[in-house]
Amino acid sequence: MDNSPLSLFEQPVRATLMCVIATALTGLRLGELLALTREDVDLPGRRVNIRATLLSPSLVRLAT
């Protein structure tokens, strides 16, 4: 992995851009996207189960 200053800057920018694109393409809210776990995603069935939302970095609310 390249640890140059530019590379270290690009990593969070790339992750943020990926979240924005995923949010736009799926219709998920950002908190729902960030609260996803592997168990929530069914790739063969092409389904995503929204069971929680991230309200803040330390608080996750379960969907009812």
C-alpha atoms as a PDB file:
ATOM      1  CA  MET A   1       0.000   0.000   0.000  1.00  0.00           C
ATOM      2  CA  ASP A   2       1.237   3.440  -0.914  1.00  0.00           C
ATOM      3  CA  ASN A   3       1.579   5.640   2.196  1.00  0.00           C
ATOM      4  CA  SER A   4       2.369   8.888   0.396  1.00  0.00           C
ATOM      5  CA  PRO A   5       0.510  11.971   1.675  1.00  0.00           C
ATOM      6  CA  LEU A   6      -1.654  12.111  -1.449  1.00  0.00           C
ATOM      7  CA  SER A   7      -2.564   8.432  -1.137  1.00  0.00           C
ATOM      8  CA  LEU A   8      -3.548   8.873   2.519  1.00  0.00           C
ATOM      9  CA  PHE A   9      -5.791  11.782   1.483  1.00  0.00           C
ATOM     10  CA  GLU A  10      -7.355   9.840  -1.399  1.00  0.00           C
ATOM     11  CA  GLN A  11      -8.451   6.867   0.747  1.00  0.00           C
ATOM     12  CA  PRO A  12     -11.171   8.681   2.776  1.00  0.00           C
ATOM     13  CA  VAL A  13     -12.225  10.642  -0.302  1.00  0.00           C
ATOM     14  CA  ARG A  14     -12.643   7.408  -2.274  1.00  0.00           C
ATOM     15  CA  ALA A  15     -14.612   5.784   0.573  1.00  0.00           C
ATOM     16  CA  THR A  16     -16.892   8.821   0.831  1.00  0.00           C
ATOM     17  CA  LEU A  17     -17.461   8.840  -2.917  1.00  0.00           C
ATOM     18  CA  MET A  18     -18.334   5.127  -2.860  1.00  0.00           C
ATOM     19  CA  CYS A  19     -20.921   5.777  -0.099  1.00  0.00           C
ATOM     20  CA  VAL A  20     -22.474   8.631  -2.062  1.00  0.00           C
ATOM     21  CA  ILE A  21     -22.709   6.504  -5.216  1.00  0.00           C
ATOM     22  CA  ALA A  22     -24.135   3.514  -3.322  1.00  0.00           C
ATOM     23  CA  THR A  23     -26.698   5.778  -1.643  1.00  0.00           C
ATOM     24  CA  ALA A  24     -27.749   7.293  -4.969  1.00  0.00           C
ATOM     25  CA  LEU A  25     -28.026   3.933  -6.741  1.00  0.00           C
ATOM     26  CA  THR A  26     -29.898   2.071  -4.001  1.00  0.00           C
ATOM     27  CA  GLY A  27     -32.107   4.732  -2.457  1.00  0.00           C
ATOM     28  CA  LEU A  28     -30.737   3.940   0.995  1.00  0.00           C
ATOM     29  CA  ARG A  29     -30.192   6.702   3.504  1.00  0.00           C
ATOM     30  CA  LEU A  30     -26.563   7.139   4.510  1.00  0.00           C
ATOM     31  CA  GLY A  31     -27.245   5.893   8.082  1.00  0.00           C
ATOM     32  CA  GLU A  32     -28.884   2.740   6.692  1.00  0.00           C
ATOM     33  CA  LEU A  33     -25.955   2.124   4.362  1.00  0.00           C
ATOM     34  CA  LEU A  34     -23.390   2.552   7.143  1.00  0.00           C
ATOM     35  CA  ALA A  35     -25.302   0.208   9.495  1.00  0.00           C
ATOM     36  CA  LEU A  36     -25.348  -2.690   7.003  1.00  0.00           C
ATOM     37  CA  THR A  37     -23.675  -5.967   7.946  1.00  0.00           C
ATOM     38  CA  ARG A  38     -22.801  -8.978   5.788  1.00  0.00           C
ATOM     39  CA  GLU A  39     -25.897 -10.750   7.053  1.00  0.00           C
ATOM     40  CA  ASP A  40     -28.078  -7.951   5.665  1.00  0.00           C
ATOM     41  CA  VAL A  41     -26.877  -8.420   2.069  1.00  0.00           C
ATOM     42  CA  ASP A  42     -28.113 -11.328  -0.090  1.00  0.00           C
ATOM     43  CA  LEU A  43     -26.103 -11.061  -3.313  1.00  0.00           C
ATOM     44  CA  PRO A  44     -27.555 -14.146  -5.091  1.00  0.00           C
ATOM     45  CA  GLY A  45     -31.093 -13.028  -4.230  1.00  0.00           C
ATOM     46  CA  ARG A  46     -30.213  -9.380  -5.019  1.00  0.00           C
ATOM     47  CA  ARG A  47     -31.777  -8.179  -1.744  1.00  0.00           C
ATOM     48  CA  VAL A  48     -30.706  -5.945   1.101  1.00  0.00           C
ATOM     49  CA  ASN A  49     -32.441  -6.124   4.475  1.00  0.00           C
ATOM     50  CA  ILE A  50     -32.504  -2.822   6.341  1.00  0.00           C
ATOM     51  CA  ARG A  51     -32.513  -3.738  10.028  1.00  0.00           C
ATOM     52  CA  ALA A  52     -30.771  -0.733  11.559  1.00  0.00           C
ATOM     53  CA  THR A  53     -29.672   2.835  10.947  1.00  0.00           C
ATOM     54  CA  LEU A  54     -26.592   4.646  12.189  1.00  0.00           C
ATOM     55  CA  LEU A  55     -27.598   7.805  14.053  1.00  0.00           C
ATOM     56  CA  SER A  56     -24.107   8.790  15.210  1.00  0.00           C
ATOM     57  CA  PRO A  57     -20.737   7.007  15.302  1.00  0.00           C
ATOM     58  CA  SER A  58     -21.641   5.380  18.641  1.00  0.00           C
ATOM     59  CA  LEU A  59     -25.421   4.942  18.322  1.00  0.00           C
ATOM     60  CA  VAL A  60     -27.247   2.419  16.155  1.00  0.00           C
ATOM     61  CA  ARG A  61     -31.049   2.278  16.195  1.00  0.00           C
ATOM     62  CA  LEU A  62     -32.709  -0.971  15.164  1.00  0.00           C
ATOM     63  CA  ALA A  63     -35.416  -0.598  12.545  1.00  0.00           C
ATOM     64  CA  THR A  64     -38.916  -1.488  13.694  1.00  0.00           C
END
